[in-house]
N, C-alpha and C. Protein backbone atom coordinates (compact mmCIF):
# COMPACT_ATOMS: atom_id res chain seq x y z
N UNK A 1 0.98 -1.26 0.11
CA UNK A 1 0.08 -0.01 0.15
C UNK A 1 0.75 1.24 -0.02
N UNK A 2 0.54 2.17 -0.84
CA UNK A 2 1.40 3.46 -0.96
C UNK A 2 0.89 4.44 0.27
N UNK A 3 1.94 5.18 0.59
CA UNK A 3 1.56 6.05 1.73
C UNK A 3 0.41 7.08 1.30
N UNK A 4 0.11 7.36 0.10
CA UNK A 4 -1.16 8.27 -0.27
C UNK A 4 -2.42 7.38 0.04
N UNK A 5 -2.26 5.91 -0.02
CA UNK A 5 -3.52 5.22 0.14
C UNK A 5 -3.74 4.99 1.66
N UNK A 6 -2.74 4.84 2.30
CA UNK A 6 -2.79 4.85 3.75
C UNK A 6 -3.42 6.06 4.21
N UNK A 7 -2.84 7.27 3.99
CA UNK A 7 -3.30 8.65 4.39
C UNK A 7 -4.64 8.60 4.04
N UNK A 8 -5.20 8.33 2.88
CA UNK A 8 -6.81 8.48 2.33
C UNK A 8 -7.55 7.58 3.39
N UNK A 9 -7.10 6.50 3.72
CA UNK A 9 -7.83 5.61 4.56
C UNK A 9 -7.90 6.18 5.95
N UNK A 10 -6.91 6.66 6.43
CA UNK A 10 -6.70 7.14 7.93
C UNK A 10 -7.74 8.38 8.13
N UNK A 11 -7.41 9.22 6.81
CA UNK A 11 -8.28 10.43 6.89
C UNK A 11 -9.62 10.18 6.77
N UNK A 12 -10.04 9.20 6.17
CA UNK A 12 -11.56 8.75 6.14
C UNK A 12 -12.11 8.29 7.17
N UNK A 13 -11.35 7.58 7.99
CA UNK A 13 -11.64 6.92 9.25
C UNK A 13 -11.63 8.02 10.64
N UNK A 14 -11.04 9.20 10.24
CA UNK A 14 -10.94 10.15 11.39
C UNK A 14 -11.96 10.90 11.48
N UNK A 15 -13.16 10.91 10.90
CA UNK A 15 -14.46 11.70 11.15
C UNK A 15 -15.59 10.82 11.50
N UNK A 16 -16.20 11.29 12.56
CA UNK A 16 -17.26 10.40 12.96
C UNK A 16 -18.49 10.24 12.07
N UNK A 17 -18.69 11.21 11.38
CA UNK A 17 -19.79 10.92 10.28
C UNK A 17 -19.45 10.06 9.23
N UNK A 18 -18.35 9.88 8.79
CA UNK A 18 -17.95 9.01 7.91
C UNK A 18 -17.83 7.47 8.50
N UNK A 19 -17.42 7.49 9.81
CA UNK A 19 -17.51 6.07 10.49
C UNK A 19 -19.11 5.64 10.57
N UNK A 20 -19.87 6.47 10.87
CA UNK A 20 -21.07 6.16 10.86
C UNK A 20 -21.89 5.94 9.58
N UNK A 21 -21.56 6.54 8.43
CA UNK A 21 -21.90 6.14 7.19
C UNK A 21 -21.40 4.39 6.95
N UNK A 22 -20.10 4.44 7.11
CA UNK A 22 -19.68 2.91 6.95
C UNK A 22 -20.27 2.04 7.75
N UNK A 23 -20.68 2.12 9.02
CA UNK A 23 -21.38 1.20 9.80
C UNK A 23 -22.59 1.12 9.45
N UNK A 24 -23.35 2.11 8.82
CA UNK A 24 -24.73 1.93 8.16
C UNK A 24 -24.74 1.15 7.08
N UNK A 25 -23.75 1.30 6.17
CA UNK A 25 -23.76 0.55 4.92
C UNK A 25 -23.33 -0.96 5.23
N UNK A 26 -22.98 -1.45 6.24
CA UNK A 26 -22.79 -2.84 6.46
C UNK A 26 -23.91 -3.79 6.21
N UNK A 27 -25.11 -3.11 6.30
CA UNK A 27 -26.27 -3.93 6.16
C UNK A 27 -26.89 -3.88 4.78
N UNK A 28 -26.55 -2.80 4.07
CA UNK A 28 -27.22 -2.78 2.91
C UNK A 28 -26.78 -1.31 2.05
N UNK A 29 -27.12 -1.21 0.93
CA UNK A 29 -26.78 0.02 0.19
C UNK A 29 -27.71 1.05 0.50
N UNK A 30 -27.44 2.24 0.36
CA UNK A 30 -28.23 3.48 0.52
C UNK A 30 -27.90 4.50 -0.52
N UNK A 31 -28.91 5.33 -0.94
CA UNK A 31 -28.74 6.21 -1.84
C UNK A 31 -28.32 7.56 -0.90
N UNK A 32 -27.79 8.42 -1.64
CA UNK A 32 -27.26 9.87 -0.82
C UNK A 32 -28.14 10.42 -0.18
N UNK A 33 -29.63 10.56 -0.47
CA UNK A 33 -30.56 11.10 0.19
C UNK A 33 -30.95 10.54 1.56
N UNK A 34 -30.81 8.98 1.36
CA UNK A 34 -31.24 8.37 2.74
C UNK A 34 -30.07 8.59 3.69
N UNK A 35 -28.85 8.61 3.16
CA UNK A 35 -27.54 8.91 4.08
C UNK A 35 -27.72 10.32 4.72
N UNK A 36 -28.31 11.28 3.85
CA UNK A 36 -28.52 12.67 4.28
C UNK A 36 -29.41 12.68 5.50
N UNK A 37 -30.53 12.04 5.24
CA UNK A 37 -31.58 11.87 6.19
C UNK A 37 -31.20 11.44 7.25
N UNK A 38 -30.22 10.00 7.34
CA UNK A 38 -29.94 9.40 8.49
C UNK A 38 -28.95 10.34 9.38
N UNK A 39 -27.92 11.13 8.66
CA UNK A 39 -26.94 11.86 9.17
C UNK A 39 -27.48 13.10 9.82
N UNK A 40 -28.62 13.63 9.29
CA UNK A 40 -29.23 14.95 9.45
C UNK A 40 -28.26 16.00 9.22
N UNK A 41 -27.65 15.91 8.11
CA UNK A 41 -26.75 16.92 7.33
C UNK A 41 -27.16 17.52 6.09
N UNK A 42 -26.75 18.54 5.64
CA UNK A 42 -27.01 19.08 4.43
C UNK A 42 -26.62 18.20 3.33
N UNK A 43 -27.14 18.09 2.21
CA UNK A 43 -26.68 17.24 1.05
C UNK A 43 -25.42 17.43 0.58
N UNK A 44 -24.66 18.81 0.92
CA UNK A 44 -23.41 18.99 0.15
C UNK A 44 -22.50 18.42 1.00
N UNK A 45 -22.89 18.45 2.51
CA UNK A 45 -21.88 18.09 3.48
C UNK A 45 -21.95 16.47 3.14
N UNK A 46 -23.18 15.82 3.14
CA UNK A 46 -23.08 14.27 3.08
C UNK A 46 -22.14 14.04 1.60
N UNK A 47 -22.51 14.54 0.59
CA UNK A 47 -21.51 14.33 -0.60
C UNK A 47 -20.10 14.54 -0.31
N UNK A 48 -19.78 15.35 0.31
CA UNK A 48 -18.27 15.60 0.52
C UNK A 48 -17.57 14.57 1.73
N UNK A 49 -18.60 13.90 2.54
CA UNK A 49 -18.20 12.76 3.40
C UNK A 49 -18.15 11.54 2.31
N UNK A 50 -18.83 11.27 1.53
CA UNK A 50 -18.91 10.30 0.70
C UNK A 50 -17.91 10.13 -0.24
N UNK A 51 -17.45 11.43 -0.85
CA UNK A 51 -16.35 11.59 -1.52
C UNK A 51 -15.10 11.28 -1.04
N UNK A 52 -14.83 11.56 0.45
CA UNK A 52 -13.70 11.23 0.94
C UNK A 52 -13.64 9.67 1.14
N UNK A 53 -14.75 9.16 1.43
CA UNK A 53 -14.91 7.55 1.64
C UNK A 53 -14.59 6.92 0.13
N UNK A 54 -14.93 7.66 -0.72
CA UNK A 54 -14.68 6.84 -2.19
C UNK A 54 -13.24 7.03 -2.52
N UNK A 55 -12.72 8.17 -2.18
CA UNK A 55 -11.26 8.54 -2.54
C UNK A 55 -10.42 7.58 -1.71
N UNK A 56 -11.05 7.05 -0.61
CA UNK A 56 -10.14 5.99 0.14
C UNK A 56 -10.56 4.46 -0.11
N UNK A 57 -11.42 4.48 -1.20
CA UNK A 57 -11.83 3.15 -1.85
C UNK A 57 -12.61 2.36 -0.60
N UNK A 58 -13.01 3.08 0.54
CA UNK A 58 -13.95 2.41 1.32
C UNK A 58 -15.40 2.08 0.99
N UNK A 59 -15.82 3.00 -0.05
CA UNK A 59 -17.20 2.64 -0.57
C UNK A 59 -17.25 2.73 -2.12
N UNK A 60 -18.27 2.10 -2.75
CA UNK A 60 -18.37 2.19 -4.18
C UNK A 60 -19.69 2.86 -4.44
N UNK A 61 -19.86 3.63 -5.50
CA UNK A 61 -21.10 4.19 -5.72
C UNK A 61 -21.58 3.68 -7.13
N UNK A 62 -22.73 3.50 -7.35
CA UNK A 62 -23.57 3.31 -8.55
C UNK A 62 -24.74 4.16 -9.00
N UNK A 63 -24.84 4.74 -10.13
CA UNK A 63 -25.92 5.60 -10.40
C UNK A 63 -26.83 4.85 -11.05
N UNK A 64 -28.11 5.17 -10.69
CA UNK A 64 -29.42 4.41 -11.08
C UNK A 64 -30.33 5.70 -11.52
N UNK A 65 -30.41 6.05 -12.86
CA UNK A 65 -31.17 7.37 -13.11
C UNK A 65 -30.52 8.42 -12.39
N UNK A 66 -31.38 9.29 -11.68
CA UNK A 66 -30.76 10.50 -11.00
C UNK A 66 -30.34 10.28 -9.44
N UNK A 67 -30.55 9.06 -9.18
CA UNK A 67 -29.98 8.49 -7.69
C UNK A 67 -28.59 7.90 -7.75
N UNK A 68 -27.84 8.09 -6.59
CA UNK A 68 -26.35 7.49 -6.55
C UNK A 68 -26.69 6.59 -5.20
N UNK A 69 -26.18 5.32 -5.44
CA UNK A 69 -26.36 4.51 -4.31
C UNK A 69 -25.01 3.98 -3.89
N UNK A 70 -24.59 3.96 -2.69
CA UNK A 70 -23.46 3.45 -2.11
C UNK A 70 -23.61 2.32 -1.40
N UNK A 71 -22.49 1.60 -1.39
CA UNK A 71 -22.34 0.34 -0.53
C UNK A 71 -20.77 0.26 -0.24
N UNK A 72 -20.68 -0.58 0.78
CA UNK A 72 -19.33 -0.85 1.29
C UNK A 72 -18.31 -1.58 0.37
N UNK A 73 -17.19 -1.20 0.09
CA UNK A 73 -16.43 -1.86 -0.81
C UNK A 73 -15.53 -3.03 -0.17
N UNK A 74 -16.33 -3.95 0.12
CA UNK A 74 -16.04 -5.20 0.85
C UNK A 74 -16.21 -6.47 0.17
N UNK A 75 -16.19 -6.31 -1.33
CA UNK A 75 -16.19 -7.56 -1.89
C UNK A 75 -14.88 -7.98 -2.34
N UNK A 76 -14.76 -9.56 -2.78
CA UNK A 76 -13.44 -9.85 -3.05
C UNK A 76 -12.72 -9.08 -4.00
N UNK A 77 -13.36 -8.49 -5.08
CA UNK A 77 -12.60 -7.43 -6.02
C UNK A 77 -12.28 -6.16 -5.30
N UNK A 78 -12.59 -5.77 -4.25
CA UNK A 78 -12.43 -4.49 -3.60
C UNK A 78 -11.00 -4.37 -3.30
N UNK A 79 -10.37 -3.21 -2.99
CA UNK A 79 -8.89 -3.00 -2.74
C UNK A 79 -8.75 -3.70 -1.34
N UNK A 80 -7.98 -4.48 -1.22
CA UNK A 80 -7.61 -5.28 0.04
C UNK A 80 -7.25 -4.34 1.35
N UNK A 81 -6.54 -3.37 1.26
CA UNK A 81 -6.58 -2.65 2.58
C UNK A 81 -7.78 -1.80 2.89
N UNK A 82 -8.69 -1.62 1.88
CA UNK A 82 -10.06 -1.04 2.31
C UNK A 82 -10.83 -2.10 3.07
N UNK A 83 -10.83 -3.46 2.21
CA UNK A 83 -11.56 -4.29 3.06
C UNK A 83 -11.09 -4.62 4.43
N UNK A 84 -9.62 -4.88 4.53
CA UNK A 84 -9.28 -4.78 5.89
C UNK A 84 -9.64 -3.71 7.15
N UNK A 85 -9.56 -2.56 6.43
CA UNK A 85 -9.98 -1.39 7.15
C UNK A 85 -11.38 -1.46 7.67
N UNK A 86 -12.31 -1.81 6.70
CA UNK A 86 -13.70 -2.03 7.13
C UNK A 86 -13.86 -3.25 8.07
N UNK A 87 -13.19 -4.34 7.74
CA UNK A 87 -13.45 -5.42 8.73
C UNK A 87 -12.89 -5.05 10.21
N UNK A 88 -11.90 -4.31 10.28
CA UNK A 88 -11.25 -3.86 11.68
C UNK A 88 -12.26 -2.90 12.16
N UNK A 89 -13.02 -2.08 11.49
CA UNK A 89 -13.90 -1.12 12.03
C UNK A 89 -15.07 -1.92 12.39
N UNK A 90 -15.64 -2.70 11.88
CA UNK A 90 -16.53 -3.61 12.24
C UNK A 90 -16.44 -4.27 13.43
N UNK A 91 -15.30 -5.04 13.54
CA UNK A 91 -15.05 -5.73 14.58
C UNK A 91 -14.80 -4.87 15.93
N UNK A 92 -14.28 -3.65 15.63
CA UNK A 92 -14.02 -2.78 16.88
C UNK A 92 -15.24 -2.07 17.35
N UNK A 93 -16.23 -1.82 16.51
CA UNK A 93 -17.38 -0.98 17.12
C UNK A 93 -18.54 -1.39 16.87
N UNK A 94 -18.87 -2.67 16.22
CA UNK A 94 -20.06 -3.14 15.61
C UNK A 94 -21.06 -3.34 16.62
N UNK A 95 -20.76 -3.56 17.93
CA UNK A 95 -21.74 -3.63 18.83
C UNK A 95 -21.80 -2.46 19.71
N UNK A 96 -21.38 -1.33 19.65
CA UNK A 96 -21.30 -0.15 20.20
C UNK A 96 -22.84 0.57 20.23
N UNK A 97 -23.20 1.06 21.51
CA UNK A 97 -24.41 1.62 21.56
C UNK A 97 -24.76 2.76 20.71
N UNK A 98 -23.68 3.65 20.28
CA UNK A 98 -24.05 4.69 19.22
C UNK A 98 -24.50 4.00 17.98
N UNK A 99 -23.65 2.91 17.63
CA UNK A 99 -24.03 2.17 16.29
C UNK A 99 -25.47 1.52 16.42
N UNK A 100 -25.70 0.93 17.65
CA UNK A 100 -27.23 0.47 17.66
C UNK A 100 -28.10 1.47 17.76
N UNK A 101 -27.97 2.88 18.09
CA UNK A 101 -28.82 3.90 18.22
C UNK A 101 -29.01 4.40 16.66
N UNK A 102 -27.89 4.43 15.92
CA UNK A 102 -27.90 4.67 14.50
C UNK A 102 -28.86 3.67 13.69
N UNK A 103 -28.65 2.43 13.90
CA UNK A 103 -29.36 1.24 13.32
C UNK A 103 -30.92 1.49 13.51
N UNK A 104 -31.32 1.79 14.56
CA UNK A 104 -32.65 2.08 15.04
C UNK A 104 -33.30 3.24 14.22
N UNK A 105 -32.31 4.35 14.06
CA UNK A 105 -32.62 5.62 13.42
C UNK A 105 -32.83 5.17 11.85
N UNK A 106 -32.05 4.44 11.39
CA UNK A 106 -32.12 3.82 9.93
C UNK A 106 -33.51 3.12 9.78
N UNK A 107 -33.77 2.25 10.66
CA UNK A 107 -34.89 1.33 10.70
C UNK A 107 -36.10 2.44 10.54
N UNK A 108 -36.13 3.52 11.29
CA UNK A 108 -37.34 4.27 11.32
C UNK A 108 -37.48 5.16 9.96
N UNK A 109 -36.29 5.44 9.43
CA UNK A 109 -36.36 6.18 8.23
C UNK A 109 -36.72 5.31 6.93
N UNK A 110 -36.34 3.98 6.97
CA UNK A 110 -36.75 3.12 6.01
C UNK A 110 -38.30 2.73 6.23
N UNK A 111 -38.76 2.64 7.28
CA UNK A 111 -39.84 2.41 7.39
C UNK A 111 -40.91 3.66 6.98
N UNK A 112 -40.51 4.72 7.39
CA UNK A 112 -41.15 5.92 6.91
C UNK A 112 -41.19 5.98 5.50
N UNK A 113 -40.24 5.56 4.63
CA UNK A 113 -40.23 5.52 3.07
C UNK A 113 -41.15 4.56 2.69
N UNK A 114 -41.27 3.30 3.37
CA UNK A 114 -42.25 2.36 3.00
C UNK A 114 -43.45 2.65 3.16
N UNK A 115 -43.81 3.31 4.27
CA UNK A 115 -45.15 3.90 4.68
C UNK A 115 -45.65 4.91 3.75
N UNK A 116 -44.66 5.87 3.51
CA UNK A 116 -45.16 7.04 2.65
C UNK A 116 -45.13 7.00 1.23
N UNK A 117 -44.10 6.08 0.87
CA UNK A 117 -44.06 5.87 -0.50
C UNK A 117 -44.26 4.49 -1.07
N UNK A 118 -44.45 3.54 -0.23
CA UNK A 118 -44.54 2.06 -0.64
C UNK A 118 -43.34 1.46 -1.45
N UNK A 119 -42.28 1.95 -1.23
CA UNK A 119 -41.06 1.77 -1.86
C UNK A 119 -39.89 1.57 -0.88
N UNK A 120 -38.90 1.06 -1.26
CA UNK A 120 -37.56 0.91 -0.59
C UNK A 120 -36.57 1.47 -1.33
N UNK A 121 -36.29 2.89 -1.02
CA UNK A 121 -35.19 3.83 -1.87
C UNK A 121 -35.70 4.75 -2.42
N UNK A 122 -34.96 5.51 -3.27
CA UNK A 122 -35.14 6.78 -3.89
C UNK A 122 -35.85 6.76 -5.08
N UNK A 123 -36.69 6.01 -5.44
CA UNK A 123 -37.17 5.62 -6.50
C UNK A 123 -38.60 6.21 -7.06
N UNK A 124 -38.77 7.50 -6.25
CA UNK A 124 -40.22 8.11 -6.43
C UNK A 124 -39.83 9.13 -7.53
N UNK A 125 -40.67 9.23 -8.21
CA UNK A 125 -40.45 10.34 -9.53
C UNK A 125 -40.51 11.70 -9.02
N UNK A 126 -39.24 12.20 -9.47
CA UNK A 126 -39.19 13.84 -9.26
C UNK A 126 -39.50 14.32 -7.72
N UNK A 127 -39.04 13.36 -6.84
CA UNK A 127 -39.38 13.76 -5.49
C UNK A 127 -37.99 13.62 -4.66
N UNK A 128 -37.41 14.73 -4.10
CA UNK A 128 -36.51 14.13 -3.09
C UNK A 128 -36.90 14.03 -1.81
N UNK A 129 -37.34 12.64 -1.35
CA UNK A 129 -38.25 12.51 -0.37
C UNK A 129 -37.20 12.54 0.87
N UNK A 130 -36.07 12.58 1.17
CA UNK A 130 -35.36 12.67 2.51
C UNK A 130 -35.73 13.65 3.17
N UNK A 131 -36.09 14.73 2.41
CA UNK A 131 -36.59 16.12 2.96
C UNK A 131 -37.80 15.82 3.97
N UNK A 132 -38.80 14.91 3.31
CA UNK A 132 -40.02 14.65 4.15
C UNK A 132 -39.65 13.70 5.22
N UNK A 133 -38.94 12.78 4.83
CA UNK A 133 -38.53 11.84 5.84
C UNK A 133 -37.70 12.45 7.01
N UNK A 134 -36.73 13.26 6.83
CA UNK A 134 -35.96 14.13 7.52
C UNK A 134 -36.89 14.96 8.53
N UNK A 135 -37.95 15.49 8.05
CA UNK A 135 -39.00 16.44 8.82
C UNK A 135 -39.66 15.56 9.88
N UNK A 136 -39.99 14.40 9.59
CA UNK A 136 -40.88 13.55 10.35
C UNK A 136 -40.09 12.55 11.38
N UNK A 137 -38.77 12.21 10.95
CA UNK A 137 -38.10 11.41 11.86
C UNK A 137 -37.07 12.32 12.79
N UNK A 138 -37.23 12.42 13.86
CA UNK A 138 -36.60 13.43 14.54
C UNK A 138 -35.13 12.89 14.87
N UNK A 139 -34.20 13.50 14.90
CA UNK A 139 -32.84 12.91 15.42
C UNK A 139 -32.87 12.77 16.79
N UNK A 140 -32.64 11.54 17.30
CA UNK A 140 -32.89 11.15 18.80
C UNK A 140 -31.49 11.43 19.49
């Protein structure tokens, strides 16, 4: 691993919100607006966090229409040091109370989406639904 790759991974793991994103992504992929709602941040701040994680090769994104979905870069084809960092992170804080609190918040957001839109994800036509989800689900 090059020094630059090491620094990118270290930098990515040095921020609480980026670690929260990684822990959330261990269960499934999320679109940017779902991550924005979960973190209770502005879309531009969330995008910046995702950019840092992507640069470190810890997450991978795919575009579906106008939505971008992110998942952990933990497949066998992913960058090995990134996979190792993700595994270490999950082993280290996977059962942490803050992580469990975030998991409960994510479940509320996903349930609100299913109730409100009858779907799982950002596939509603011309609607940025995380604003509505964000307004309904208080940050505990």
